[in-house]
C-alpha atoms as a PDB file:
ATOM      1  CA  UNK A   1      17.733  15.344  -7.387  1.00  0.00           C
ATOM      2  CA  UNK A   2      17.464  13.144  -4.354  1.00  0.00           C
ATOM      3  CA  UNK A   3      15.820   9.805  -3.532  1.00  0.00           C
ATOM      4  CA  UNK A   4      13.748   8.915  -0.429  1.00  0.00           C
ATOM      5  CA  UNK A   5      13.639   5.568   1.184  1.00  0.00           C
ATOM      6  CA  UNK A   6      10.163   6.126   2.680  1.00  0.00           C
ATOM      7  CA  UNK A   7       7.173   6.997   0.604  1.00  0.00           C
ATOM      8  CA  UNK A   8       6.333  10.739   0.969  1.00  0.00           C
ATOM      9  CA  UNK A   9       2.555  10.334   0.995  1.00  0.00           C
ATOM     10  CA  UNK A  10       2.771   7.674   3.667  1.00  0.00           C
ATOM     11  CA  UNK A  11       5.213   9.664   5.739  1.00  0.00           C
ATOM     12  CA  UNK A  12       3.046  12.763   5.343  1.00  0.00           C
ATOM     13  CA  UNK A  13       0.056  10.955   6.627  1.00  0.00           C
ATOM     14  CA  UNK A  14       1.835   9.647   9.702  1.00  0.00           C
ATOM     15  CA  UNK A  15       4.511  12.279  10.551  1.00  0.00           C
ATOM     16  CA  UNK A  16       4.270  13.901  13.955  1.00  0.00           C
ATOM     17  CA  UNK A  17       2.060  11.188  15.479  1.00  0.00           C
ATOM     18  CA  UNK A  18       3.100   9.724  18.807  1.00  0.00           C
ATOM     19  CA  UNK A  19       1.985   6.639  20.759  1.00  0.00           C
ATOM     20  CA  UNK A  20      -0.670   7.305  23.356  1.00  0.00           C
ATOM     21  CA  UNK A  21      -0.930   4.927  26.341  1.00  0.00           C
ATOM     22  CA  UNK A  22       1.368   2.315  27.682  1.00  0.00           C
ATOM     23  CA  UNK A  23       0.999  -1.154  29.118  1.00  0.00           C
ATOM     24  CA  UNK A  24       3.631  -3.429  30.555  1.00  0.00           C
ATOM     25  CA  UNK A  25       5.053  -5.433  27.610  1.00  0.00           C
ATOM     26  CA  UNK A  26       5.775  -9.061  27.873  1.00  0.00           C
ATOM     27  CA  UNK A  27       6.839 -11.539  25.244  1.00  0.00           C
ATOM     28  CA  UNK A  28       3.863 -12.511  23.310  1.00  0.00           C
ATOM     29  CA  UNK A  29       5.461 -13.587  20.020  1.00  0.00           C
ATOM     30  CA  UNK A  30       8.032 -15.968  18.701  1.00  0.00           C
ATOM     31  CA  UNK A  31       7.876 -19.688  18.464  1.00  0.00           C
ATOM     32  CA  UNK A  32      11.431 -20.229  19.790  1.00  0.00           C
ATOM     33  CA  UNK A  33      11.556 -23.291  17.512  1.00  0.00           C
ATOM     34  CA  UNK A  34      12.940 -24.027  14.122  1.00  0.00           C
ATOM     35  CA  UNK A  35       9.713 -24.107  12.109  1.00  0.00           C
ATOM     36  CA  UNK A  36       9.916 -22.436   8.701  1.00  0.00           C
ATOM     37  CA  UNK A  37       7.774 -19.348   8.138  1.00  0.00           C
ATOM     38  CA  UNK A  38       4.226 -20.410   7.548  1.00  0.00           C
ATOM     39  CA  UNK A  39       4.744 -23.816   9.159  1.00  0.00           C
ATOM     40  CA  UNK A  40       2.703 -25.261  11.988  1.00  0.00           C
ATOM     41  CA  UNK A  41       3.843 -24.791  15.562  1.00  0.00           C
ATOM     42  CA  UNK A  42       2.494 -26.303  18.751  1.00  0.00           C
ATOM     43  CA  UNK A  43      -0.020 -23.425  19.276  1.00  0.00           C
ATOM     44  CA  UNK A  44      -0.873 -22.838  15.628  1.00  0.00           C
ATOM     45  CA  UNK A  45       0.974 -21.525  12.579  1.00  0.00           C
ATOM     46  CA  UNK A  46       4.383 -19.916  12.779  1.00  0.00           C
ATOM     47  CA  UNK A  47       4.691 -16.862  10.623  1.00  0.00           C
ATOM     48  CA  UNK A  48       7.950 -14.994  10.058  1.00  0.00           C
ATOM     49  CA  UNK A  49       7.398 -11.300  10.384  1.00  0.00           C
ATOM     50  CA  UNK A  50       9.521  -8.242  10.955  1.00  0.00           C
ATOM     51  CA  UNK A  51       9.440  -8.961  14.728  1.00  0.00           C
ATOM     52  CA  UNK A  52      10.533 -12.549  14.327  1.00  0.00           C
ATOM     53  CA  UNK A  53       8.805 -15.918  14.172  1.00  0.00           C
ATOM     54  CA  UNK A  54       5.332 -15.513  15.631  1.00  0.00           C
ATOM     55  CA  UNK A  55       3.081 -18.422  16.636  1.00  0.00           C
ATOM     56  CA  UNK A  56      -0.434 -17.507  15.567  1.00  0.00           C
ATOM     57  CA  UNK A  57      -3.242 -19.269  17.642  1.00  0.00           C
ATOM     58  CA  UNK A  58      -5.174 -21.736  15.544  1.00  0.00           C
ATOM     59  CA  UNK A  59      -8.563 -20.338  14.518  1.00  0.00           C
ATOM     60  CA  UNK A  60      -7.827 -16.818  15.588  1.00  0.00           C
ATOM     61  CA  UNK A  61     -11.142 -14.921  15.303  1.00  0.00           C
ATOM     62  CA  UNK A  62     -10.737 -11.658  17.274  1.00  0.00           C
ATOM     63  CA  UNK A  63      -8.198  -9.773  15.213  1.00  0.00           C
ATOM     64  CA  UNK A  64      -7.115  -6.192  15.578  1.00  0.00           C
ATOM     65  CA  UNK A  65      -5.585  -4.677  12.471  1.00  0.00           C
ATOM     66  CA  UNK A  66      -3.446  -1.598  12.367  1.00  0.00           C
ATOM     67  CA  UNK A  67      -2.633   0.511   9.186  1.00  0.00           C
ATOM     68  CA  UNK A  68      -2.419  -1.357   5.894  1.00  0.00           C
ATOM     69  CA  UNK A  69      -3.398  -4.664   7.628  1.00  0.00           C
ATOM     70  CA  UNK A  70      -7.106  -3.722   7.532  1.00  0.00           C
ATOM     71  CA  UNK A  71      -7.276  -3.670   3.757  1.00  0.00           C
ATOM     72  CA  UNK A  72      -5.216  -6.822   3.547  1.00  0.00           C
ATOM     73  CA  UNK A  73      -7.681  -8.651   5.813  1.00  0.00           C
ATOM     74  CA  UNK A  74     -10.771  -7.318   4.231  1.00  0.00           C
ATOM     75  CA  UNK A  75      -9.520  -8.469   0.877  1.00  0.00           C
ATOM     76  CA  UNK A  76      -9.366 -11.951   2.428  1.00  0.00           C
ATOM     77  CA  UNK A  77     -12.958 -11.781   3.747  1.00  0.00           C
ATOM     78  CA  UNK A  78     -11.809 -11.358   7.348  1.00  0.00           C
ATOM     79  CA  UNK A  79     -13.392  -8.519   9.323  1.00  0.00           C
ATOM     80  CA  UNK A  80     -11.255  -7.319  12.341  1.00  0.00           C
ATOM     81  CA  UNK A  81     -12.832  -6.469  15.642  1.00  0.00           C
ATOM     82  CA  UNK A  82     -10.681  -3.317  15.824  1.00  0.00           C
ATOM     83  CA  UNK A  83      -8.890  -1.199  13.277  1.00  0.00           C
ATOM     84  CA  UNK A  84      -6.978   2.001  12.807  1.00  0.00           C
ATOM     85  CA  UNK A  85      -9.486   4.809  12.197  1.00  0.00           C
ATOM     86  CA  UNK A  86     -10.713   5.049   8.609  1.00  0.00           C
ATOM     87  CA  UNK A  87      -9.754   8.629   7.991  1.00  0.00           C
ATOM     88  CA  UNK A  88      -7.313  10.884   6.156  1.00  0.00           C
ATOM     89  CA  UNK A  89      -4.604  10.236   8.713  1.00  0.00           C
ATOM     90  CA  UNK A  90      -4.190   6.663   7.602  1.00  0.00           C
ATOM     91  CA  UNK A  91      -2.529   5.373   4.451  1.00  0.00           C
ATOM     92  CA  UNK A  92      -4.959   2.612   3.763  1.00  0.00           C
ATOM     93  CA  UNK A  93      -7.307   2.980   0.797  1.00  0.00           C
ATOM     94  CA  UNK A  94     -10.231   0.589   0.813  1.00  0.00           C
ATOM     95  CA  UNK A  95     -12.358  -0.595  -2.040  1.00  0.00           C
ATOM     96  CA  UNK A  96     -15.850   0.907  -2.253  1.00  0.00           C
ATOM     97  CA  UNK A  97     -17.381  -2.455  -1.188  1.00  0.00           C
ATOM     98  CA  UNK A  98     -15.216  -2.443   1.946  1.00  0.00           C
ATOM     99  CA  UNK A  99     -15.575   1.145   3.181  1.00  0.00           C
ATOM    100  CA  UNK A 100     -18.937   1.026   4.881  1.00  0.00           C
ATOM    101  CA  UNK A 101     -18.091  -2.233   6.572  1.00  0.00           C
ATOM    102  CA  UNK A 102     -14.835  -0.858   7.842  1.00  0.00           C
ATOM    103  CA  UNK A 103     -16.488   2.183   9.363  1.00  0.00           C
ATOM    104  CA  UNK A 104     -18.477  -0.070  11.600  1.00  0.00           C
ATOM    105  CA  UNK A 105     -15.321  -1.704  13.041  1.00  0.00           C
ATOM    106  CA  UNK A 106     -14.215  -0.336  16.415  1.00  0.00           C
ATOM    107  CA  UNK A 107     -11.569   2.339  16.027  1.00  0.00           C
ATOM    108  CA  UNK A 108      -8.353   1.774  18.126  1.00  0.00           C
ATOM    109  CA  UNK A 109      -6.618   5.116  17.200  1.00  0.00           C
ATOM    110  CA  UNK A 110      -5.443   7.046  14.148  1.00  0.00           C
ATOM    111  CA  UNK A 111      -2.138   6.648  12.341  1.00  0.00           C
ATOM    112  CA  UNK A 112       0.451   5.422  14.855  1.00  0.00           C
ATOM    113  CA  UNK A 113      -1.537   6.900  17.752  1.00  0.00           C
ATOM    114  CA  UNK A 114      -2.735   3.427  18.815  1.00  0.00           C
ATOM    115  CA  UNK A 115      -4.849   3.456  21.985  1.00  0.00           C
ATOM    116  CA  UNK A 116      -3.308   0.504  23.771  1.00  0.00           C
ATOM    117  CA  UNK A 117      -5.988   0.304  26.413  1.00  0.00           C
ATOM    118  CA  UNK A 118      -8.633   0.170  23.656  1.00  0.00           C
ATOM    119  CA  UNK A 119      -6.866  -2.640  21.949  1.00  0.00           C
ATOM    120  CA  UNK A 120      -6.691  -4.622  25.188  1.00  0.00           C
ATOM    121  CA  UNK A 121     -10.402  -4.041  25.830  1.00  0.00           C
ATOM    122  CA  UNK A 122     -11.247  -5.868  22.668  1.00  0.00           C
ATOM    123  CA  UNK A 123      -9.590  -9.017  24.006  1.00  0.00           C
ATOM    124  CA  UNK A 124      -7.902  -9.866  20.647  1.00  0.00           C
ATOM    125  CA  UNK A 125      -6.349 -13.282  20.041  1.00  0.00           C
ATOM    126  CA  UNK A 126      -4.218 -11.816  17.233  1.00  0.00           C
ATOM    127  CA  UNK A 127      -2.910  -8.294  16.362  1.00  0.00           C
ATOM    128  CA  UNK A 128      -1.617  -7.526  12.879  1.00  0.00           C
ATOM    129  CA  UNK A 129       0.426  -4.459  12.229  1.00  0.00           C
ATOM    130  CA  UNK A 130       1.402  -3.573   8.667  1.00  0.00           C
ATOM    131  CA  UNK A 131       2.963  -0.110   8.402  1.00  0.00           C
ATOM    132  CA  UNK A 132       5.930   1.960   7.350  1.00  0.00           C
ATOM    133  CA  UNK A 133       9.172   0.615   9.040  1.00  0.00           C
ATOM    134  CA  UNK A 134      10.253   4.257   9.712  1.00  0.00           C
ATOM    135  CA  UNK A 135       7.660   4.623  12.495  1.00  0.00           C
ATOM    136  CA  UNK A 136       7.219   3.258  15.985  1.00  0.00           C
ATOM    137  CA  UNK A 137       4.051   1.012  16.055  1.00  0.00           C
ATOM    138  CA  UNK A 138       4.335   0.131  19.729  1.00  0.00           C
ATOM    139  CA  UNK A 139       4.872  -3.522  18.841  1.00  0.00           C
ATOM    140  CA  UNK A 140       6.283  -4.414  22.218  1.00  0.00           C
ATOM    141  CA  UNK A 141       3.303  -3.089  24.076  1.00  0.00           C
ATOM    142  CA  UNK A 142       0.969  -4.862  21.635  1.00  0.00           C
ATOM    143  CA  UNK A 143       2.809  -8.127  22.159  1.00  0.00           C
ATOM    144  CA  UNK A 144       1.892  -7.866  25.847  1.00  0.00           C
ATOM    145  CA  UNK A 145      -1.775  -8.087  24.881  1.00  0.00           C
ATOM    146  CA  UNK A 146      -1.830 -10.846  22.256  1.00  0.00           C
ATOM    147  CA  UNK A 147       0.371 -12.539  19.633  1.00  0.00           C
ATOM    148  CA  UNK A 148       1.394  -9.752  17.242  1.00  0.00           C
ATOM    149  CA  UNK A 149       2.450  -9.942  13.638  1.00  0.00           C
ATOM    150  CA  UNK A 150       4.435  -6.815  12.644  1.00  0.00           C
ATOM    151  CA  UNK A 151       5.259  -6.204   8.968  1.00  0.00           C
ATOM    152  CA  UNK A 152       7.555  -3.185   8.640  1.00  0.00           C
ATOM    153  CA  UNK A 153       7.133  -1.818   5.106  1.00  0.00           C
ATOM    154  CA  UNK A 154      10.167  -0.406   3.353  1.00  0.00           C
ATOM    155  CA  UNK A 155       9.297  -0.866  -0.313  1.00  0.00           C
ATOM    156  CA  UNK A 156       6.001  -1.346  -2.231  1.00  0.00           C
ATOM    157  CA  UNK A 157       6.643  -5.093  -2.855  1.00  0.00           C
ATOM    158  CA  UNK A 158       6.799  -5.594   0.958  1.00  0.00           C
ATOM    159  CA  UNK A 159       3.082  -4.942   1.050  1.00  0.00           C
ATOM    160  CA  UNK A 160       2.289  -7.849  -1.300  1.00  0.00           C
ATOM    161  CA  UNK A 161       4.578 -10.144   0.608  1.00  0.00           C
ATOM    162  CA  UNK A 162       2.863  -9.092   3.870  1.00  0.00           C
ATOM    163  CA  UNK A 163      -0.609  -9.903   2.525  1.00  0.00           C
ATOM    164  CA  UNK A 164       0.488 -13.367   1.561  1.00  0.00           C
ATOM    165  CA  UNK A 165       1.818 -14.004   5.105  1.00  0.00           C
ATOM    166  CA  UNK A 166      -1.325 -12.532   6.662  1.00  0.00           C
ATOM    167  CA  UNK A 167      -3.354 -14.882   4.501  1.00  0.00           C
ATOM    168  CA  UNK A 168      -1.405 -17.857   5.821  1.00  0.00           C
ATOM    169  CA  UNK A 169      -1.753 -16.575   9.391  1.00  0.00           C
ATOM    170  CA  UNK A 170      -5.590 -16.513   9.230  1.00  0.00           C
ATOM    171  CA  UNK A 171      -5.990 -19.592   7.099  1.00  0.00           C
ATOM    172  CA  UNK A 172      -7.086 -17.790   3.972  1.00  0.00           C
ATOM    173  CA  UNK A 173      -4.478 -19.074   1.490  1.00  0.00           C
ATOM    174  CA  UNK A 174      -7.174 -20.113  -0.974  1.00  0.00           C
ATOM    175  CA  UNK A 175      -8.649 -16.599  -1.034  1.00  0.00           C
ATOM    176  CA  UNK A 176      -5.207 -15.058  -1.478  1.00  0.00           C
ATOM    177  CA  UNK A 177      -4.360 -17.502  -4.284  1.00  0.00           C
ATOM    178  CA  UNK A 178      -7.518 -16.557  -6.133  1.00  0.00           C
ATOM    179  CA  UNK A 179      -6.799 -12.811  -5.724  1.00  0.00           C
ATOM    180  CA  UNK A 180      -3.262 -13.264  -7.058  1.00  0.00           C
ATOM    181  CA  UNK A 181      -4.433 -15.540  -9.917  1.00  0.00           C
ATOM    182  CA  UNK A 182      -7.188 -13.066 -10.915  1.00  0.00           C
ATOM    183  CA  UNK A 183      -4.607 -10.246 -10.848  1.00  0.00           C
ATOM    184  CA  UNK A 184      -2.148 -12.228 -13.015  1.00  0.00           C
ATOM    185  CA  UNK A 185      -4.842 -13.231 -15.523  1.00  0.00           C
ATOM    186  CA  UNK A 186      -6.104  -9.626 -15.791  1.00  0.00           C
ATOM    187  CA  UNK A 187      -2.585  -8.265 -16.337  1.00  0.00           C
ATOM    188  CA  UNK A 188      -1.926 -10.924 -18.996  1.00  0.00           C
ATOM    189  CA  UNK A 189      -5.227 -10.176 -20.711  1.00  0.00           C
ATOM    190  CA  UNK A 190      -4.318  -6.460 -20.942  1.00  0.00           C
ATOM    191  CA  UNK A 191      -0.845  -7.272 -22.086  1.00  0.00           C
ATOM    192  CA  UNK A 192      -2.168  -9.380 -24.987  1.00  0.00           C
ATOM    193  CA  UNK A 193      -5.211  -7.308 -25.947  1.00  0.00           C
ATOM    194  CA  UNK A 194      -3.361  -3.946 -26.084  1.00  0.00           C
ATOM    195  CA  UNK A 195       0.105  -5.129 -27.084  1.00  0.00           C
ATOM    196  CA  UNK A 196       0.233  -2.826 -30.168  1.00  0.00           C
ATOM    197  CA  UNK A 197      -0.693   0.291 -28.103  1.00  0.00           C
ATOM    198  CA  UNK A 198       1.558  -0.735 -25.243  1.00  0.00           C
ATOM    199  CA  UNK A 199       4.557  -0.830 -27.636  1.00  0.00           C
ATOM    200  CA  UNK A 200       4.087   2.793 -28.551  1.00  0.00           C
ATOM    201  CA  UNK A 201       3.187   4.454 -25.256  1.00  0.00           C
ATOM    202  CA  UNK A 202       5.694   5.650 -22.622  1.00  0.00           C
ATOM    203  CA  UNK A 203       4.194   5.808 -19.135  1.00  0.00           C
ATOM    204  CA  UNK A 204       5.203   7.760 -16.106  1.00  0.00           C
ATOM    205  CA  UNK A 205       3.720   8.258 -12.608  1.00  0.00           C
ATOM    206  CA  UNK A 206       4.205  11.595 -10.818  1.00  0.00           C
ATOM    207  CA  UNK A 207       3.006  13.407  -7.714  1.00  0.00           C
ATOM    208  CA  UNK A 208       3.883  16.375  -5.533  1.00  0.00           C
ATOM    209  CA  UNK A 209       3.785  17.612  -1.954  1.00  0.00           C
ATOM    210  CA  UNK A 210       4.719  21.150  -2.806  1.00  0.00           C
ATOM    211  CA  UNK A 211       7.932  22.716  -1.482  1.00  0.00           C
ATOM    212  CA  UNK A 212       9.150  23.263  -5.023  1.00  0.00           C
ATOM    213  CA  UNK A 213       9.558  19.560  -5.654  1.00  0.00           C
ATOM    214  CA  UNK A 214       7.803  16.703  -7.406  1.00  0.00           C
ATOM    215  CA  UNK A 215       8.076  12.932  -7.278  1.00  0.00           C
ATOM    216  CA  UNK A 216       8.362  10.432 -10.134  1.00  0.00           C
ATOM    217  CA  UNK A 217       7.490   6.883  -9.374  1.00  0.00           C
ATOM    218  CA  UNK A 218       9.516   4.136 -11.045  1.00  0.00           C
ATOM    219  CA  UNK A 219       8.637   0.746 -12.337  1.00  0.00           C
ATOM    220  CA  UNK A 220       9.106  -0.705  -8.883  1.00  0.00           C
ATOM    221  CA  UNK A 221       6.598   1.666  -7.217  1.00  0.00           C
ATOM    222  CA  UNK A 222       3.068   0.927  -6.374  1.00  0.00           C
ATOM    223  CA  UNK A 223       1.384   1.673  -9.734  1.00  0.00           C
ATOM    224  CA  UNK A 224       4.711   1.195 -11.568  1.00  0.00           C
ATOM    225  CA  UNK A 225       4.667  -2.455 -10.597  1.00  0.00           C
ATOM    226  CA  UNK A 226       1.084  -2.865 -11.926  1.00  0.00           C
ATOM    227  CA  UNK A 227       2.016  -1.101 -15.180  1.00  0.00           C
ATOM    228  CA  UNK A 228       5.042  -3.409 -15.582  1.00  0.00           C
ATOM    229  CA  UNK A 229       2.911  -6.527 -15.026  1.00  0.00           C
ATOM    230  CA  UNK A 230       0.510  -5.227 -17.742  1.00  0.00           C
ATOM    231  CA  UNK A 231       3.390  -4.907 -20.237  1.00  0.00           C
ATOM    232  CA  UNK A 232       3.774  -1.153 -20.190  1.00  0.00           C
ATOM    233  CA  UNK A 233       6.821   0.673 -21.455  1.00  0.00           C
ATOM    234  CA  UNK A 234       8.184   3.515 -19.241  1.00  0.00           C
ATOM    235  CA  UNK A 235       9.442   6.988 -19.872  1.00  0.00           C
ATOM    236  CA  UNK A 236      13.066   7.333 -19.004  1.00  0.00           C
ATOM    237  CA  UNK A 237      12.556   8.890 -15.561  1.00  0.00           C
ATOM    238  CA  UNK A 238      10.258   6.019 -14.485  1.00  0.00           C
ATOM    239  CA  UNK A 239      12.273   3.224 -16.089  1.00  0.00           C
ATOM    240  CA  UNK A 240      14.983   2.863 -13.468  1.00  0.00           C
ATOM    241  CA  UNK A 241      13.738   0.756 -10.674  1.00  0.00           C
ATOM    242  CA  UNK A 242      16.715   1.031  -8.287  1.00  0.00           C
ATOM    243  CA  UNK A 243      14.529   3.332  -6.146  1.00  0.00           C
ATOM    244  CA  UNK A 244      10.713   3.176  -6.160  1.00  0.00           C
ATOM    245  CA  UNK A 245      10.507   6.952  -6.307  1.00  0.00           C
ATOM    246  CA  UNK A 246      12.832   9.844  -7.165  1.00  0.00           C
ATOM    247  CA  UNK A 247      12.338  13.480  -6.089  1.00  0.00           C
ATOM    248  CA  UNK A 248      13.139  16.390  -8.445  1.00  0.00           C
ATOM    249  CA  UNK A 249      13.057  20.100  -8.227  1.00  0.00           C
ATOM    250  CA  UNK A 250       9.996  21.492 -10.076  1.00  0.00           C
ATOM    251  CA  UNK A 251      12.412  23.153 -12.462  1.00  0.00           C
ATOM    252  CA  UNK A 252      13.195  19.694 -13.802  1.00  0.00           C
ATOM    253  CA  UNK A 253       9.760  18.791 -15.109  1.00  0.00           C
ATOM    254  CA  UNK A 254      11.450  18.158 -18.505  1.00  0.00           C
ATOM    255  CA  UNK A 255      12.608  14.780 -17.193  1.00  0.00           C
ATOM    256  CA  UNK A 256       9.039  13.727 -18.198  1.00  0.00           C
ATOM    257  CA  UNK A 257       9.332  15.097 -21.775  1.00  0.00           C
ATOM    258  CA  UNK A 258       9.264  11.582 -23.359  1.00  0.00           C
ATOM    259  CA  UNK A 259       6.186  10.455 -21.418  1.00  0.00           C
ATOM    260  CA  UNK A 260       3.110   9.916 -23.540  1.00  0.00           C
ATOM    261  CA  UNK A 261       0.910   9.271 -20.474  1.00  0.00           C
ATOM    262  CA  UNK A 262       1.533  10.649 -16.958  1.00  0.00           C
ATOM    263  CA  UNK A 263      -0.535   9.192 -14.134  1.00  0.00           C
ATOM    264  CA  UNK A 264      -1.163  11.400 -11.053  1.00  0.00           C
ATOM    265  CA  UNK A 265      -2.789  10.346  -7.784  1.00  0.00           C
ATOM    266  CA  UNK A 266      -6.477  10.789  -7.121  1.00  0.00           C
ATOM    267  CA  UNK A 267      -7.424  10.635  -3.475  1.00  0.00           C
ATOM    268  CA  UNK A 268      -9.691   7.831  -2.537  1.00  0.00           C
ATOM    269  CA  UNK A 269     -11.539   9.783   0.140  1.00  0.00           C
ATOM    270  CA  UNK A 270     -12.477  12.764  -2.113  1.00  0.00           C
ATOM    271  CA  UNK A 271     -12.052  11.612  -5.652  1.00  0.00           C
ATOM    272  CA  UNK A 272      -9.938  14.591  -6.278  1.00  0.00           C
ATOM    273  CA  UNK A 273      -6.297  15.216  -7.326  1.00  0.00           C
ATOM    274  CA  UNK A 274      -4.370  16.622  -4.340  1.00  0.00           C
ATOM    275  CA  UNK A 275      -3.969  20.419  -4.272  1.00  0.00           C
ATOM    276  CA  UNK A 276      -0.160  20.203  -4.575  1.00  0.00           C
ATOM    277  CA  UNK A 277      -0.494  18.098  -7.746  1.00  0.00           C
ATOM    278  CA  UNK A 278      -2.972  20.536  -9.216  1.00  0.00           C
ATOM    279  CA  UNK A 279      -0.505  23.359  -8.522  1.00  0.00           C
ATOM    280  CA  UNK A 280       2.269  21.362 -10.255  1.00  0.00           C
ATOM    281  CA  UNK A 281       0.050  20.957 -13.361  1.00  0.00           C
ATOM    282  CA  UNK A 282      -0.516  24.665 -13.474  1.00  0.00           C
ATOM    283  CA  UNK A 283       3.213  25.413 -13.915  1.00  0.00           C
ATOM    284  CA  UNK A 284       4.124  26.680 -17.362  1.00  0.00           C
ATOM    285  CA  UNK A 285       6.874  24.118 -17.702  1.00  0.00           C
ATOM    286  CA  UNK A 286       4.414  21.298 -16.906  1.00  0.00           C
ATOM    287  CA  UNK A 287       1.972  22.529 -19.557  1.00  0.00           C
ATOM    288  CA  UNK A 288       4.701  22.268 -22.175  1.00  0.00           C
ATOM    289  CA  UNK A 289       5.094  18.476 -21.614  1.00  0.00           C
ATOM    290  CA  UNK A 290       3.783  16.258 -24.435  1.00  0.00           C
ATOM    291  CA  UNK A 291       1.427  14.352 -22.161  1.00  0.00           C
ATOM    292  CA  UNK A 292      -0.036  17.619 -20.932  1.00  0.00           C
ATOM    293  CA  UNK A 293      -0.552  19.027 -24.347  1.00  0.00           C
ATOM    294  CA  UNK A 294      -2.283  15.761 -25.402  1.00  0.00           C
ATOM    295  CA  UNK A 295      -4.497  15.789 -22.320  1.00  0.00           C
ATOM    296  CA  UNK A 296      -2.855  12.616 -21.231  1.00  0.00           C
ATOM    297  CA  UNK A 297      -2.141  13.573 -17.614  1.00  0.00           C
ATOM    298  CA  UNK A 298      -4.621  11.263 -15.977  1.00  0.00           C
ATOM    299  CA  UNK A 299      -5.651  10.571 -12.414  1.00  0.00           C
ATOM    300  CA  UNK A 300      -5.546   7.085 -10.925  1.00  0.00           C
ATOM    301  CA  UNK A 301      -7.127   6.038  -7.638  1.00  0.00           C
ATOM    302  CA  UNK A 302      -5.042   3.771  -5.343  1.00  0.00           C
ATOM    303  CA  UNK A 303      -1.799   5.401  -6.374  1.00  0.00           C
ATOM    304  CA  UNK A 304      -0.220   3.634  -3.384  1.00  0.00           C
ATOM    305  CA  UNK A 305      -1.898   0.350  -4.145  1.00  0.00           C
ATOM    306  CA  UNK A 306      -0.917  -1.885  -1.230  1.00  0.00           C
ATOM    307  CA  UNK A 307      -2.478  -5.307  -2.007  1.00  0.00           C
ATOM    308  CA  UNK A 308      -3.977  -7.449  -4.719  1.00  0.00           C
ATOM    309  CA  UNK A 309      -7.502  -6.106  -4.179  1.00  0.00           C
ATOM    310  CA  UNK A 310      -6.596  -2.563  -5.084  1.00  0.00           C
ATOM    311  CA  UNK A 311      -4.016  -3.629  -7.685  1.00  0.00           C
ATOM    312  CA  UNK A 312      -6.834  -5.349  -9.607  1.00  0.00           C
ATOM    313  CA  UNK A 313      -8.719  -2.093  -9.533  1.00  0.00           C
ATOM    314  CA  UNK A 314      -5.756  -0.239 -10.813  1.00  0.00           C
ATOM    315  CA  UNK A 315      -5.467  -2.757 -13.741  1.00  0.00           C
ATOM    316  CA  UNK A 316      -9.058  -1.881 -14.640  1.00  0.00           C
ATOM    317  CA  UNK A 317      -8.193   1.810 -14.655  1.00  0.00           C
ATOM    318  CA  UNK A 318      -5.201   1.173 -16.907  1.00  0.00           C
ATOM    319  CA  UNK A 319      -7.330  -0.833 -19.332  1.00  0.00           C
ATOM    320  CA  UNK A 320      -9.844   2.009 -19.453  1.00  0.00           C
ATOM    321  CA  UNK A 321      -7.087   4.469 -20.269  1.00  0.00           C
ATOM    322  CA  UNK A 322      -5.705   2.209 -22.987  1.00  0.00           C
ATOM    323  CA  UNK A 323      -9.124   1.978 -24.617  1.00  0.00           C
ATOM    324  CA  UNK A 324      -9.248   5.792 -24.862  1.00  0.00           C
ATOM    325  CA  UNK A 325      -5.777   6.223 -26.402  1.00  0.00           C
END
């Protein structure tokens, strides 16, 4: 058994990509002052990001978003002028109401293959990068074009924290607060309405990328966090939140023997469970699991829910499952 610091499905989507073009980088970020994160600086708001304290121009309108930042901004009602391509090479999963709008936004590259010249041609007054910290997002080059907020993601909760800072940066705190409030209210409503069922159901979240292994998400993972907020109990393998995911050999599927419900990812783009997960479910040892025998291995869309918009959707899916138990 081994743990992984970076999420497999995010790494798989981005692995092997390289930066494309280069521009001379110059300092475009940092306030140099002592303002607290989210405070007001001389040129606008000062937001503390992974690349330091960044002064965001007041009333920034021409925003380029990279990776997860696109969904975070669309949740807030902000439409970027440029975005990472909306395709299978990107980790972002948009809500149905956002997909068609996003496809009309100018593409500035796929994954971490950001076309720097294309970004510059859009004349942005703000660039927002929200992506896995394990990868090179060409932040220095982007800073040479416009003030750049970079949020390096290491754990699932980092995504929620980033969305809150992005909301402050673009003056959409009220929209963010409503999203967060709606999420909390929905989670509490599920917790109260289904408290008797929740007491008697052990949940787990699992996936696979083949190679004779499978992954168990814990209570601090993407969907694990949502389940915890809704009052769910966890199977033993998912209950330890020291790591947000744990990798096992496929010979160890019995670690899920106490799970009453196992959630598996359903790809947003296709509506299908990934091939590697289907192959895992075909294993004889998997079919012996209680959840499998009871037909309670169930797909969930937005298995890497990265913000409050998709987390609300996941809550709705959990409620639907609870109604059917």
